[in-house]
Amino acid sequence: MKILVIGGNGTIGSNVVKRLREKHSVVIAGRSAGDYQIDMTQEE
């Protein structure tokens, strides 16, 4: 299963990603780092 984790580079998110990667494909989205850079404050 492919899972998107927003904030996957933070303290809690990095531990979540570590566990999920044991059995799943994980994509990380974040403000300044990750597979995709996103800004949740922008409507577009």
N, C-alpha and C. Protein backbone atom coordinates (compact mmCIF):
# COMPACT_ATOMS: atom_id res chain seq x y z
N MET A 1 0.85 -1.17 0.00
CA MET A 1 0.00 0.00 0.00
C MET A 1 0.89 1.23 0.00
N LYS A 2 0.50 2.25 -0.74
CA LYS A 2 1.23 3.52 -0.76
C LYS A 2 0.55 4.48 0.20
N ILE A 3 1.34 5.08 1.11
CA ILE A 3 0.79 5.96 2.14
C ILE A 3 1.48 7.31 2.08
N LEU A 4 0.69 8.39 2.14
CA LEU A 4 1.20 9.75 2.20
C LEU A 4 1.24 10.19 3.66
N VAL A 5 2.41 10.66 4.11
CA VAL A 5 2.54 11.17 5.47
C VAL A 5 2.92 12.64 5.37
N ILE A 6 2.06 13.50 5.86
CA ILE A 6 2.35 14.94 5.90
C ILE A 6 3.07 15.21 7.21
N GLY A 7 4.23 15.85 7.11
CA GLY A 7 5.03 16.12 8.30
C GLY A 7 5.90 14.93 8.68
N GLY A 8 6.25 14.11 7.71
CA GLY A 8 7.00 12.90 7.97
C GLY A 8 8.46 13.10 8.34
N ASN A 9 8.94 14.34 8.32
CA ASN A 9 10.32 14.61 8.71
C ASN A 9 10.43 15.15 10.13
N GLY A 10 9.32 15.37 10.78
CA GLY A 10 9.32 15.88 12.15
C GLY A 10 9.62 14.78 13.16
N THR A 11 9.59 15.14 14.42
CA THR A 11 9.92 14.21 15.49
C THR A 11 8.98 13.00 15.51
N ILE A 12 7.71 13.24 15.53
CA ILE A 12 6.74 12.15 15.57
C ILE A 12 6.60 11.50 14.20
N GLY A 13 6.51 12.34 13.17
CA GLY A 13 6.33 11.83 11.81
C GLY A 13 7.44 10.91 11.35
N SER A 14 8.68 11.20 11.71
CA SER A 14 9.79 10.34 11.28
C SER A 14 9.69 8.95 11.90
N ASN A 15 9.20 8.86 13.13
CA ASN A 15 9.00 7.55 13.75
C ASN A 15 7.83 6.81 13.12
N VAL A 16 6.79 7.53 12.75
CA VAL A 16 5.65 6.93 12.07
C VAL A 16 6.10 6.37 10.72
N VAL A 17 6.87 7.16 9.98
CA VAL A 17 7.37 6.73 8.68
C VAL A 17 8.25 5.49 8.82
N LYS A 18 9.10 5.49 9.81
CA LYS A 18 10.00 4.34 10.04
C LYS A 18 9.20 3.05 10.20
N ARG A 19 8.14 3.10 10.98
CA ARG A 19 7.33 1.90 11.21
C ARG A 19 6.52 1.52 9.96
N LEU A 20 5.97 2.52 9.27
CA LEU A 20 5.16 2.23 8.09
C LEU A 20 6.00 1.63 6.96
N ARG A 21 7.25 2.08 6.84
CA ARG A 21 8.12 1.58 5.76
C ARG A 21 8.46 0.10 5.90
N GLU A 22 8.22 -0.49 7.05
CA GLU A 22 8.47 -1.91 7.23
C GLU A 22 7.59 -2.76 6.32
N LYS A 23 6.37 -2.27 6.01
CA LYS A 23 5.43 -3.05 5.20
C LYS A 23 4.76 -2.29 4.07
N HIS A 24 5.05 -0.97 3.96
CA HIS A 24 4.34 -0.16 2.97
C HIS A 24 5.31 0.76 2.24
N SER A 25 4.84 1.30 1.13
CA SER A 25 5.56 2.33 0.40
C SER A 25 5.09 3.68 0.95
N VAL A 26 6.02 4.52 1.39
CA VAL A 26 5.67 5.77 2.06
C VAL A 26 6.17 6.96 1.23
N VAL A 27 5.30 7.95 1.06
CA VAL A 27 5.64 9.21 0.42
C VAL A 27 5.51 10.29 1.50
N ILE A 28 6.55 11.14 1.61
CA ILE A 28 6.55 12.19 2.63
C ILE A 28 6.31 13.54 1.98
N ALA A 29 5.42 14.32 2.58
CA ALA A 29 5.16 15.69 2.15
C ALA A 29 5.43 16.61 3.33
N GLY A 30 6.10 17.71 3.07
CA GLY A 30 6.39 18.65 4.14
C GLY A 30 6.59 20.06 3.61
N ARG A 31 6.72 21.00 4.52
CA ARG A 31 6.87 22.40 4.14
C ARG A 31 8.19 22.67 3.44
N SER A 32 9.29 22.10 3.95
CA SER A 32 10.59 22.41 3.36
C SER A 32 11.40 21.17 2.98
N ALA A 33 10.92 19.99 3.29
CA ALA A 33 11.64 18.76 2.96
C ALA A 33 10.66 17.64 2.69
N GLY A 34 11.14 16.58 2.08
CA GLY A 34 10.31 15.43 1.78
C GLY A 34 10.26 15.18 0.29
N ASP A 35 9.48 14.18 -0.09
CA ASP A 35 9.33 13.85 -1.51
C ASP A 35 8.57 14.95 -2.24
N TYR A 36 7.66 15.61 -1.55
CA TYR A 36 6.89 16.73 -2.10
C TYR A 36 6.90 17.86 -1.10
N GLN A 37 7.09 19.10 -1.57
CA GLN A 37 7.01 20.26 -0.71
C GLN A 37 5.62 20.89 -0.89
N ILE A 38 4.94 21.10 0.23
CA ILE A 38 3.59 21.66 0.19
C ILE A 38 3.48 22.75 1.25
N ASP A 39 2.57 23.69 1.02
CA ASP A 39 2.27 24.73 1.99
C ASP A 39 0.78 24.63 2.28
N MET A 40 0.44 24.08 3.42
CA MET A 40 -0.96 23.84 3.77
C MET A 40 -1.74 25.13 3.98
N THR A 41 -1.07 26.28 4.07
CA THR A 41 -1.77 27.54 4.29
C THR A 41 -2.29 28.12 2.97
N GLN A 42 -1.83 27.60 1.83
CA GLN A 42 -2.28 28.10 0.53
C GLN A 42 -3.44 27.26 0.02
N GLU A 43 -4.50 27.91 -0.42
CA GLU A 43 -5.68 27.19 -0.89
C GLU A 43 -5.43 26.41 -2.17
N GLU A 44 -4.57 26.89 -3.03
CA GLU A 44 -4.34 26.19 -4.30
C GLU A 44 -3.53 24.97 -4.04
